[in-house]
Amino acid sequence: MGKNRPIKFRILELFLDGKEHWNYEIVSKIQKEYDMNSAYGRDSINFDIIELASGGMLKDLEQRVDEEGIYKKGFLLHKYVITDFGKVRGSDACVRYV
């Protein structure tokens, strides 16, 4: 499924379900699909999510400090949802919910 498309497209695809997702949930799924299990891979995927949010395609709804070490202990976790703009851009890129 995932490896055939750019990571940012796959991230948008995952958000097209219209639900809210924590960054660590999406990062974990992408890491498995793209075999990016290193700390560098984790942080690179998270940066892609941040770029999509800064571009207006995802909306940051909630934040909390990662006390348990789910993603990276002491760092900020973010909950996102796709925006209408993200849906349009995803559609333009032929991204669809699967």
Protein backbone atom coordinates (compact mmCIF):
# COMPACT_ATOMS: atom_id res chain seq x y z
CA MET A 1 0.00 0.00 0.00
CA GLY A 2 2.21 2.83 1.23
CA LYS A 3 5.62 2.48 -0.44
CA ASN A 4 4.31 3.33 -3.91
CA ARG A 5 3.49 6.93 -3.10
CA PRO A 6 5.28 9.87 -1.50
CA ILE A 7 5.01 9.88 2.29
CA LYS A 8 3.13 13.19 2.44
CA PHE A 9 0.48 11.83 0.08
CA ARG A 10 0.13 8.74 2.26
CA ILE A 11 -0.22 10.91 5.37
CA LEU A 12 -3.04 12.88 3.71
CA GLU A 13 -4.62 9.61 2.65
CA LEU A 14 -4.69 8.40 6.26
CA PHE A 15 -6.36 11.63 7.38
CA LEU A 16 -9.03 11.41 4.67
CA ASP A 17 -11.09 9.26 7.02
CA GLY A 18 -12.09 12.62 8.57
CA LYS A 19 -11.13 11.51 12.08
CA GLU A 20 -8.72 13.15 14.50
CA HIS A 21 -5.35 11.44 14.84
CA TRP A 22 -2.39 11.97 17.16
CA ASN A 23 0.92 12.46 15.36
CA TYR A 24 2.41 9.34 16.98
CA GLU A 25 -0.42 7.19 15.57
CA ILE A 26 0.29 8.34 12.03
CA VAL A 27 4.06 8.20 12.49
CA SER A 28 3.86 4.61 13.74
CA LYS A 29 1.70 3.50 10.80
CA ILE A 30 3.98 5.17 8.23
CA GLN A 31 7.11 3.73 9.88
CA LYS A 32 5.70 0.21 9.45
CA GLU A 33 4.54 0.75 5.87
CA TYR A 34 7.81 2.35 4.69
CA ASP A 35 10.25 0.39 6.89
CA MET A 36 11.46 3.58 8.59
CA ASN A 37 11.94 2.25 12.10
CA SER A 38 14.88 4.43 13.18
CA ALA A 39 14.63 7.57 15.31
CA TYR A 40 15.59 9.53 12.19
CA GLY A 41 12.72 7.96 10.25
CA ARG A 42 10.31 8.71 13.09
CA ASP A 43 11.35 12.36 13.27
CA SER A 44 11.37 12.74 9.48
CA ILE A 45 7.77 11.51 9.23
CA ASN A 46 6.74 13.81 12.08
CA PHE A 47 8.36 16.72 10.24
CA ASP A 48 6.29 15.84 7.16
CA ILE A 49 3.15 16.06 9.31
CA ILE A 50 4.26 19.45 10.64
CA GLU A 51 4.84 20.68 7.08
CA LEU A 52 1.35 19.57 6.03
CA ALA A 53 -0.10 21.42 9.04
CA SER A 54 1.93 24.57 8.34
CA GLY A 55 0.70 24.41 4.73
CA GLY A 56 -2.91 24.47 5.94
CA MET A 57 -3.74 20.87 5.00
CA LEU A 58 -3.98 19.63 8.59
CA LYS A 59 -5.36 21.48 11.59
CA ASP A 60 -3.67 21.17 14.99
CA LEU A 61 -6.49 20.53 17.49
CA GLU A 62 -4.82 19.56 20.73
CA GLN A 63 -1.38 19.22 22.30
CA ARG A 64 0.03 17.44 25.33
CA VAL A 65 3.45 16.56 26.67
CA ASP A 66 4.48 12.96 26.09
CA GLU A 67 4.88 11.89 29.71
CA GLU A 68 4.76 8.15 28.92
CA GLY A 69 7.29 8.06 26.08
CA ILE A 70 4.69 7.01 23.47
CA TYR A 71 6.51 9.00 20.79
CA LYS A 72 9.43 10.70 22.51
CA LYS A 73 9.36 11.34 26.25
CA GLY A 74 9.14 15.03 27.16
CA PHE A 75 8.18 16.15 23.64
CA LEU A 76 4.90 17.67 22.55
CA LEU A 77 2.28 15.42 20.97
CA HIS A 78 -0.21 16.93 18.52
CA LYS A 79 -3.68 15.84 17.47
CA TYR A 80 -4.59 16.78 13.88
CA VAL A 81 -7.54 16.60 11.52
CA ILE A 82 -7.55 17.18 7.76
CA THR A 83 -8.85 20.56 6.58
CA ASP A 84 -11.06 21.25 3.57
CA PHE A 85 -7.95 22.57 1.83
CA GLY A 86 -6.15 19.30 2.61
CA LYS A 87 -9.05 17.32 1.12
CA VAL A 88 -8.91 19.41 -2.08
CA ARG A 89 -5.12 19.14 -2.36
CA GLY A 90 -5.31 15.42 -1.68
CA SER A 91 -7.93 15.08 -4.39
CA ASP A 92 -5.76 17.10 -6.79
CA ALA A 93 -2.92 14.64 -6.11
CA CYS A 94 -5.24 11.67 -6.72
CA VAL A 95 -5.09 10.68 -3.06
CA ARG A 96 -8.12 8.80 -1.82
CA TYR A 97 -9.23 7.16 1.38
CA VAL A 98 -8.59 3.42 1.33
